[in-house]
Amino acid sequence: MVSKNVIWKKNIYEVVNSNHPKSSTIDEFYDAVKQNVPLDEHDLTPPILRGKYVSGDLNWKRNIRNALQDEKDGLRLINIAKGTWSLPRELSEYEKIDEHKSWDIFYKNAKNYYSENKIFYSWIKKQKYSINSISHDSIEIERLDSNKSQKITSGQIKRAIQRLNAAGGSTGRRTLNYTVAIETALVELHPDLSWSKEGDFIHSRKKDSSPIMGFELDEHVNEMAEIFNPSSIETARKAVARSIMMRQGQPQFRSDLMDAYSGRCAITGTDAIQALEAAHIMPYAEGGINHVKNGMILRSDVHSLFDRGLLGVEPDDYSVIMSDVLTNTSYCDYESLRIRLPKEKVKRPSPKALWNHLETHDLLRFN
């Protein structure tokens, strides 16, 4: 006989899969169960807590929430915000926060806060906290407004980072850990985490801040041409004919380039992720495809100059060529400089694409 838990999860995944790539709500799960599952007397009874019935709730709803929590713990579903669920999102290896190193980072920063007796605050209600004590596998947070403490363990930190990675680097508050003290300390003491401006979401600083971060992309994100050849652009474009696929290619394109260029601008060496962009050599709108050989990681201002044809890259020795418009500007420091290249030769910029860029913008006369 099939257990009720299996039945709950079957209905949950039917809803999730039908809505994907959009998220699903707890009410949709409730509606699906009410329509598809015969509920018995036990299901329709309020759960008992401390010997008393819990008013306003029923066992079958509590069991659905327990099933969701089980899938969340197994990283098979992600809890984006209160009552909102989705399938996990993929991150490149560069964008993932290292779950195994996170406790050491957290522990080190907690020791500094402890030695300095530093106070920190929750994002919305501004509740005050400090580090009360530290041991090898746990840290005690003191709630200064209530004189109560909260213990944080290495396992809790690891699970929180796993959940953030599974959520694609952005998730609502109270989803990494339901306890405000733990979640506040996690963001405060881990340098790769930050609050959104309104405090409703927690973001990974390593994740692209693209507006595409919203769980609205579907499952075809990796349908890109595997071999870049500027002479057969039209053939490559057919692989991404549908507009949704072309839109999805952008975050993956950036991730691939960030991996290839080790998170640094190819020309300036800048490693500030927020300032870095994925630059097409042959513009996407003019037939260029989202392939690592048709791109470079560039600082945003350098990307703008590259797109406007005020600088380019010589395809023989990968040195920077400048337009005379930039003469006597600070950008002249980069003229003739050899760009940073991916270690893997197969990921280096296409010489033919670079040559096309120089010809298109009449930069050859400045060589």
Protein backbone atom coordinates (compact mmCIF):
# COMPACT_ATOMS: atom_id res chain seq x y z
CA MET A 1 0.00 0.00 0.00
CA VAL A 2 1.33 3.44 -0.96
CA SER A 3 2.01 5.63 2.08
CA LYS A 4 0.33 8.98 2.49
CA ASN A 5 3.74 10.67 2.45
CA VAL A 6 4.38 9.35 -1.06
CA ILE A 7 0.94 10.60 -2.13
CA TRP A 8 1.63 14.09 -0.73
CA LYS A 9 4.93 14.29 -2.58
CA LYS A 10 3.42 12.97 -5.81
CA ASN A 11 0.90 15.81 -5.81
CA ILE A 12 3.55 18.36 -4.82
CA TYR A 13 5.78 17.44 -7.76
CA GLU A 14 2.89 17.38 -10.22
CA VAL A 15 2.23 21.01 -9.33
CA VAL A 16 5.92 21.99 -9.32
CA ASN A 17 6.63 20.35 -12.67
CA SER A 18 3.57 21.86 -14.33
CA ASN A 19 4.51 25.36 -13.14
CA HIS A 20 8.24 25.12 -13.84
CA PRO A 21 10.14 27.35 -14.49
CA LYS A 22 7.80 29.56 -12.48
CA SER A 23 7.49 28.93 -8.76
CA SER A 24 4.60 27.24 -6.94
CA THR A 25 2.71 28.25 -3.81
CA ILE A 26 1.63 26.29 -0.77
CA ASP A 27 -2.01 27.01 -1.65
CA GLU A 28 -1.55 25.30 -5.01
CA PHE A 29 -0.31 22.19 -3.21
CA TYR A 30 -3.33 22.29 -0.89
CA ASP A 31 -5.72 22.66 -3.84
CA ALA A 32 -4.13 19.75 -5.72
CA VAL A 33 -4.45 17.43 -2.71
CA LYS A 34 -8.06 18.45 -2.05
CA GLN A 35 -8.93 17.66 -5.68
CA ASN A 36 -7.00 14.41 -6.05
CA VAL A 37 -6.67 12.72 -2.67
CA PRO A 38 -9.50 11.19 -0.57
CA LEU A 39 -8.93 12.55 2.94
CA ASP A 40 -9.78 10.32 5.90
CA GLU A 41 -10.87 11.22 9.41
CA HIS A 42 -7.30 11.50 10.69
CA ASP A 43 -6.37 13.86 7.82
CA LEU A 44 -9.27 16.14 8.72
CA THR A 45 -8.41 16.26 12.44
CA PRO A 46 -6.33 19.14 13.85
CA PRO A 47 -2.81 18.10 14.89
CA ILE A 48 -2.12 17.74 18.61
CA LEU A 49 0.60 19.86 20.19
CA ARG A 50 1.40 19.51 23.90
CA GLY A 51 -1.77 17.52 24.39
CA LYS A 52 -4.05 20.10 22.75
CA TYR A 53 -5.52 20.40 19.28
CA VAL A 54 -3.93 23.10 17.13
CA SER A 55 -6.73 25.38 16.02
CA GLY A 56 -6.87 26.62 12.44
CA ASP A 57 -4.89 23.68 11.04
CA LEU A 58 -5.49 20.10 9.91
CA ASN A 59 -3.23 17.06 9.84
CA TRP A 60 -3.19 16.79 6.05
CA LYS A 61 -1.94 20.37 5.67
CA ARG A 62 0.69 19.86 8.36
CA ASN A 63 1.82 16.67 6.60
CA ILE A 64 2.17 18.48 3.27
CA ARG A 65 4.39 21.08 4.93
CA ASN A 66 6.44 18.29 6.52
CA ALA A 67 6.83 16.66 3.09
CA LEU A 68 8.01 19.97 1.64
CA GLN A 69 10.52 20.37 4.45
CA ASP A 70 11.82 16.85 3.76
CA GLU A 71 12.36 17.71 0.09
CA LYS A 72 14.02 20.98 1.09
CA ASP A 73 16.41 19.17 3.42
CA GLY A 74 17.26 16.80 0.57
CA LEU A 75 17.89 19.81 -1.73
CA ARG A 76 15.29 18.44 -4.15
CA LEU A 77 13.10 21.54 -3.74
CA ILE A 78 13.96 25.08 -2.73
CA ASN A 79 11.92 27.40 -0.52
CA ILE A 80 12.37 30.73 -2.32
CA ALA A 81 10.20 32.73 0.07
CA LYS A 82 7.48 32.07 2.62
CA GLY A 83 5.01 29.64 1.02
CA THR A 84 6.83 29.70 -2.33
CA TRP A 85 8.65 26.69 -3.79
CA SER A 86 10.62 25.79 -6.90
CA LEU A 87 12.98 23.24 -8.38
CA PRO A 88 16.70 23.83 -7.70
CA ARG A 89 18.64 26.23 -9.93
CA GLU A 90 22.04 25.48 -11.44
CA LEU A 91 25.13 27.55 -10.64
CA SER A 92 28.53 27.34 -12.25
CA GLU A 93 31.34 26.11 -10.01
CA TYR A 94 32.69 29.67 -9.92
CA GLU A 95 29.40 31.04 -8.60
CA LYS A 96 28.86 28.43 -5.88
CA ILE A 97 29.83 29.27 -2.31
CA ASP A 98 32.06 26.54 -0.91
CA GLU A 99 29.96 24.78 1.72
CA HIS A 100 32.99 22.95 3.13
CA LYS A 101 35.02 26.12 3.77
CA SER A 102 32.10 28.19 5.03
CA TRP A 103 32.32 27.10 8.67
CA ASP A 104 36.02 27.99 8.87
CA ILE A 105 35.27 31.44 7.41
CA PHE A 106 32.29 31.91 9.74
CA TYR A 107 34.30 30.69 12.76
CA LYS A 108 37.23 33.02 12.02
CA ASN A 109 35.00 36.09 11.72
CA ALA A 110 33.06 35.09 14.86
CA LYS A 111 36.35 35.00 16.81
CA ASN A 112 37.12 38.53 15.63
CA TYR A 113 33.67 39.75 16.67
CA TYR A 114 34.08 38.02 20.03
CA SER A 115 37.50 39.56 20.74
CA GLU A 116 36.24 43.03 19.79
CA ASN A 117 32.92 42.55 21.64
CA LYS A 118 31.26 43.73 18.43
CA ILE A 119 27.49 44.14 18.21
CA PHE A 120 25.50 43.41 15.04
CA TYR A 121 21.84 43.80 14.15
CA SER A 122 19.04 41.97 12.38
CA TRP A 123 18.21 43.61 9.06
CA ILE A 124 14.55 44.56 9.54
CA LYS A 125 13.78 44.85 13.26
CA LYS A 126 17.34 45.85 14.23
CA GLN A 127 17.54 43.36 17.09
CA LYS A 128 20.97 43.40 18.74
CA TYR A 129 23.32 40.40 18.90
CA SER A 130 26.88 39.60 19.94
CA ILE A 131 29.10 36.52 20.08
CA ASN A 132 28.85 35.05 23.56
CA SER A 133 31.16 32.01 23.32
CA ILE A 134 33.02 29.95 20.75
CA SER A 135 33.96 26.27 20.56
CA HIS A 136 35.37 24.15 17.77
CA ASP A 137 32.01 23.03 16.38
CA SER A 138 29.53 25.61 17.70
CA ILE A 139 29.14 29.33 18.36
CA GLU A 140 26.77 30.90 20.86
CA ILE A 141 24.94 34.09 19.83
CA GLU A 142 23.66 36.35 22.60
CA ARG A 143 20.35 38.13 22.02
CA LEU A 144 21.10 41.41 23.74
CA ASP A 145 17.48 42.58 23.70
CA SER A 146 16.25 39.55 25.62
CA ASN A 147 19.33 38.08 27.33
CA LYS A 148 18.75 34.75 25.59
CA SER A 149 21.34 32.84 23.61
CA GLN A 150 21.22 30.77 20.43
CA LYS A 151 23.73 28.10 19.47
CA ILE A 152 24.91 27.83 15.84
CA THR A 153 26.60 24.65 14.65
CA SER A 154 28.83 23.87 11.69
CA GLY A 155 26.10 21.61 10.31
CA GLN A 156 23.59 24.47 10.27
CA ILE A 157 26.01 26.70 8.36
CA LYS A 158 26.72 23.96 5.82
CA ARG A 159 23.01 23.29 5.24
CA ALA A 160 22.30 27.01 4.83
CA ILE A 161 24.98 27.37 2.16
CA GLN A 162 23.75 24.24 0.39
CA ARG A 163 20.25 25.73 0.31
CA LEU A 164 21.48 29.06 -1.05
CA ASN A 165 23.47 27.34 -3.80
CA ALA A 166 20.47 25.17 -4.68
CA ALA A 167 18.34 28.33 -4.88
CA GLY A 168 20.65 29.78 -7.51
CA GLY A 169 22.32 32.25 -5.16
CA SER A 170 19.23 34.17 -4.01
CA THR A 171 16.51 33.22 -1.56
CA GLY A 172 14.02 34.83 0.81
CA ARG A 173 14.72 35.49 4.48
CA ARG A 174 13.81 32.71 6.92
CA THR A 175 14.52 30.09 4.24
CA LEU A 176 18.18 29.35 5.00
CA ASN A 177 17.34 29.01 8.68
CA TYR A 178 14.05 29.85 10.35
CA THR A 179 15.73 31.31 13.46
CA VAL A 180 16.38 35.03 13.01
CA ALA A 181 19.49 34.99 15.22
CA ILE A 182 21.13 32.25 13.14
CA GLU A 183 20.20 33.79 9.81
CA THR A 184 21.37 37.24 10.93
CA ALA A 185 24.71 35.87 12.13
CA LEU A 186 25.12 33.86 8.93
CA VAL A 187 24.83 36.93 6.70
CA GLU A 188 26.84 39.11 9.08
CA LEU A 189 29.78 36.73 9.40
CA HIS A 190 30.00 35.22 5.92
CA PRO A 191 31.59 37.68 3.43
CA ASP A 192 29.90 36.07 0.41
CA LEU A 193 26.38 36.81 1.70
CA SER A 194 24.40 40.04 1.71
CA TRP A 195 20.85 41.27 2.31
CA SER A 196 18.78 42.82 -0.44
CA LYS A 197 18.00 46.49 0.09
CA GLU A 198 14.59 45.71 1.59
CA GLY A 199 15.92 42.83 3.68
CA ASP A 200 13.50 40.35 2.13
CA PHE A 201 16.13 38.33 0.27
CA ILE A 202 19.60 37.00 0.94
CA HIS A 203 21.98 37.07 -2.02
CA SER A 204 25.29 35.43 -2.81
CA ARG A 205 27.87 38.07 -3.73
CA LYS A 206 29.39 35.50 -6.09
CA LYS A 207 26.21 35.23 -8.12
CA ASP A 208 25.50 37.36 -11.16
CA SER A 209 23.11 40.16 -10.16
CA SER A 210 21.31 39.89 -13.50
CA PRO A 211 17.57 40.66 -13.48
CA ILE A 212 17.11 37.17 -14.89
CA MET A 213 17.55 35.97 -11.29
CA GLY A 214 13.92 35.28 -10.60
CA PHE A 215 13.34 31.62 -11.31
CA GLU A 216 11.50 32.47 -14.52
CA LEU A 217 13.86 30.59 -16.83
CA ASP A 218 12.95 27.15 -18.12
CA GLU A 219 14.98 23.97 -18.47
CA HIS A 220 16.64 24.71 -21.83
CA VAL A 221 19.40 26.97 -20.50
CA ASN A 222 22.25 24.87 -21.92
CA GLU A 223 21.06 24.53 -25.53
CA MET A 224 23.98 26.40 -27.08
CA ALA A 225 26.22 25.73 -30.08
CA GLU A 226 29.24 23.65 -29.01
CA ILE A 227 31.63 24.82 -31.73
CA PHE A 228 32.11 28.50 -32.48
CA ASN A 229 32.80 29.30 -36.12
CA PRO A 230 32.25 32.89 -37.27
CA SER A 231 31.69 31.70 -40.86
CA SER A 232 28.63 29.66 -39.93
CA ILE A 233 26.76 32.00 -37.61
CA GLU A 234 23.39 31.36 -39.22
CA THR A 235 23.69 27.64 -38.53
CA ALA A 236 24.60 28.29 -34.91
CA ARG A 237 21.73 30.72 -34.48
CA LYS A 238 19.21 28.05 -35.44
CA ALA A 239 20.16 26.17 -32.27
CA VAL A 240 18.82 29.10 -30.25
CA ALA A 241 15.93 30.11 -32.47
CA ARG A 242 13.33 30.43 -29.75
CA SER A 243 13.53 33.72 -27.89
CA ILE A 244 13.37 32.05 -24.49
CA MET A 245 16.47 30.00 -25.28
CA MET A 246 18.36 33.07 -26.45
CA ARG A 247 17.43 34.87 -23.24
CA GLN A 248 18.57 31.92 -21.15
CA GLY A 249 21.94 31.81 -22.86
CA GLN A 250 23.07 35.05 -21.23
CA PRO A 251 23.61 33.89 -17.61
CA GLN A 252 25.23 30.65 -18.76
CA PHE A 253 27.45 32.62 -21.18
CA ARG A 254 28.62 34.83 -18.32
CA SER A 255 29.20 31.85 -16.04
CA ASP A 256 31.31 30.07 -18.66
CA LEU A 257 33.40 33.19 -19.22
CA MET A 258 33.83 33.83 -15.49
CA ASP A 259 35.18 30.30 -15.15
CA ALA A 260 37.47 30.67 -18.17
CA TYR A 261 38.91 34.03 -17.04
CA SER A 262 39.06 33.15 -13.32
CA GLY A 263 36.73 35.99 -12.44
CA ARG A 264 39.01 38.78 -13.72
CA CYS A 265 38.76 41.38 -16.47
CA ALA A 266 40.85 40.22 -19.44
CA ILE A 267 42.33 43.70 -19.87
CA THR A 268 42.45 45.44 -16.46
CA GLY A 269 42.65 42.42 -14.18
CA THR A 270 39.76 43.74 -12.05
CA ASP A 271 38.26 41.00 -9.85
CA ALA A 272 35.23 42.91 -8.48
CA ILE A 273 32.40 40.65 -9.66
CA GLN A 274 29.85 43.45 -9.59
CA ALA A 275 31.92 45.42 -12.14
CA LEU A 276 32.51 42.54 -14.55
CA GLU A 277 30.46 41.79 -17.65
CA ALA A 278 30.35 39.15 -20.35
CA ALA A 279 31.36 40.88 -23.57
CA HIS A 280 30.54 39.45 -26.99
CA ILE A 281 33.30 39.91 -29.57
CA MET A 282 30.86 39.58 -32.46
CA PRO A 283 27.70 41.31 -31.12
CA TYR A 284 24.84 38.98 -30.30
CA ALA A 285 22.38 41.18 -32.19
CA GLU A 286 24.54 40.87 -35.31
CA GLY A 287 24.96 37.11 -35.31
CA GLY A 288 27.42 36.47 -32.51
CA ILE A 289 26.57 33.49 -30.34
CA ASN A 290 26.88 32.77 -26.62
CA HIS A 291 30.05 30.71 -26.87
CA VAL A 292 33.12 31.20 -24.74
CA LYS A 293 35.31 31.77 -27.84
CA ASN A 294 33.07 34.67 -28.81
CA GLY A 295 33.53 36.47 -25.54
CA MET A 296 35.74 37.92 -22.86
CA ILE A 297 35.16 39.07 -19.30
CA LEU A 298 35.58 42.86 -19.25
CA ARG A 299 35.11 45.57 -16.67
CA SER A 300 31.89 47.43 -17.45
CA ASP A 301 33.58 50.64 -18.70
CA VAL A 302 36.06 48.68 -20.83
CA HIS A 303 33.17 46.61 -22.20
CA SER A 304 31.48 49.83 -23.29
CA LEU A 305 34.63 51.05 -25.05
CA PHE A 306 35.05 47.66 -26.73
CA ASP A 307 31.46 47.65 -28.01
CA ARG A 308 31.87 51.19 -29.35
CA GLY A 309 35.01 50.15 -31.20
CA LEU A 310 37.35 52.42 -29.24
CA LEU A 311 39.59 49.53 -28.30
CA GLY A 312 40.15 46.02 -29.59
CA VAL A 313 42.45 43.02 -29.30
CA GLU A 314 45.08 42.08 -31.88
CA PRO A 315 44.40 38.42 -32.83
CA ASP A 316 48.02 37.34 -33.34
CA ASP A 317 49.48 38.18 -29.94
CA TYR A 318 46.28 39.19 -28.04
CA SER A 319 47.57 42.71 -27.35
CA VAL A 320 45.26 45.70 -26.78
CA ILE A 321 44.77 48.21 -29.62
CA MET A 322 43.46 51.71 -28.84
CA SER A 323 41.67 54.29 -30.96
CA ASP A 324 43.32 57.73 -31.00
CA VAL A 325 40.12 59.00 -29.34
CA LEU A 326 41.55 57.56 -26.12
CA THR A 327 44.91 59.30 -26.51
CA ASN A 328 45.95 61.12 -23.35
CA THR A 329 43.40 59.25 -21.23
CA SER A 330 44.06 56.81 -18.42
CA TYR A 331 43.09 53.96 -20.75
CA CYS A 332 46.36 54.44 -22.65
CA ASP A 333 48.01 52.49 -19.83
CA TYR A 334 46.49 49.35 -21.35
CA GLU A 335 47.62 49.98 -24.94
CA SER A 336 49.77 47.12 -26.31
CA LEU A 337 49.22 45.20 -23.08
CA ARG A 338 48.70 41.47 -23.67
CA ILE A 339 45.32 40.46 -22.28
CA ARG A 340 44.79 37.76 -19.66
CA LEU A 341 43.89 34.53 -21.43
CA PRO A 342 42.10 31.39 -20.28
CA LYS A 343 44.49 28.59 -19.35
CA GLU A 344 42.61 26.26 -21.69
CA LYS A 345 43.53 27.19 -25.27
CA VAL A 346 40.16 25.98 -26.56
CA LYS A 347 38.48 28.74 -24.51
CA ARG A 348 40.62 31.61 -25.81
CA PRO A 349 39.03 34.29 -28.01
CA SER A 350 38.53 33.37 -31.65
CA PRO A 351 41.23 35.17 -33.73
CA LYS A 352 38.78 35.41 -36.61
CA ALA A 353 36.18 37.08 -34.39
CA LEU A 354 38.80 39.51 -33.00
CA TRP A 355 39.93 40.35 -36.54
CA ASN A 356 36.32 40.95 -37.57
CA HIS A 357 35.92 43.36 -34.63
CA LEU A 358 39.02 45.35 -35.65
CA GLU A 359 37.89 45.56 -39.27
CA THR A 360 34.33 46.53 -38.37
CA HIS A 361 35.50 49.47 -36.26
CA ASP A 362 38.39 50.46 -38.51
CA LEU A 363 40.87 49.93 -35.71
CA LEU A 364 43.52 48.35 -37.92
CA ARG A 365 44.95 51.74 -38.88
CA PHE A 366 45.93 52.25 -35.26
CA ASN A 367 47.95 49.04 -35.10
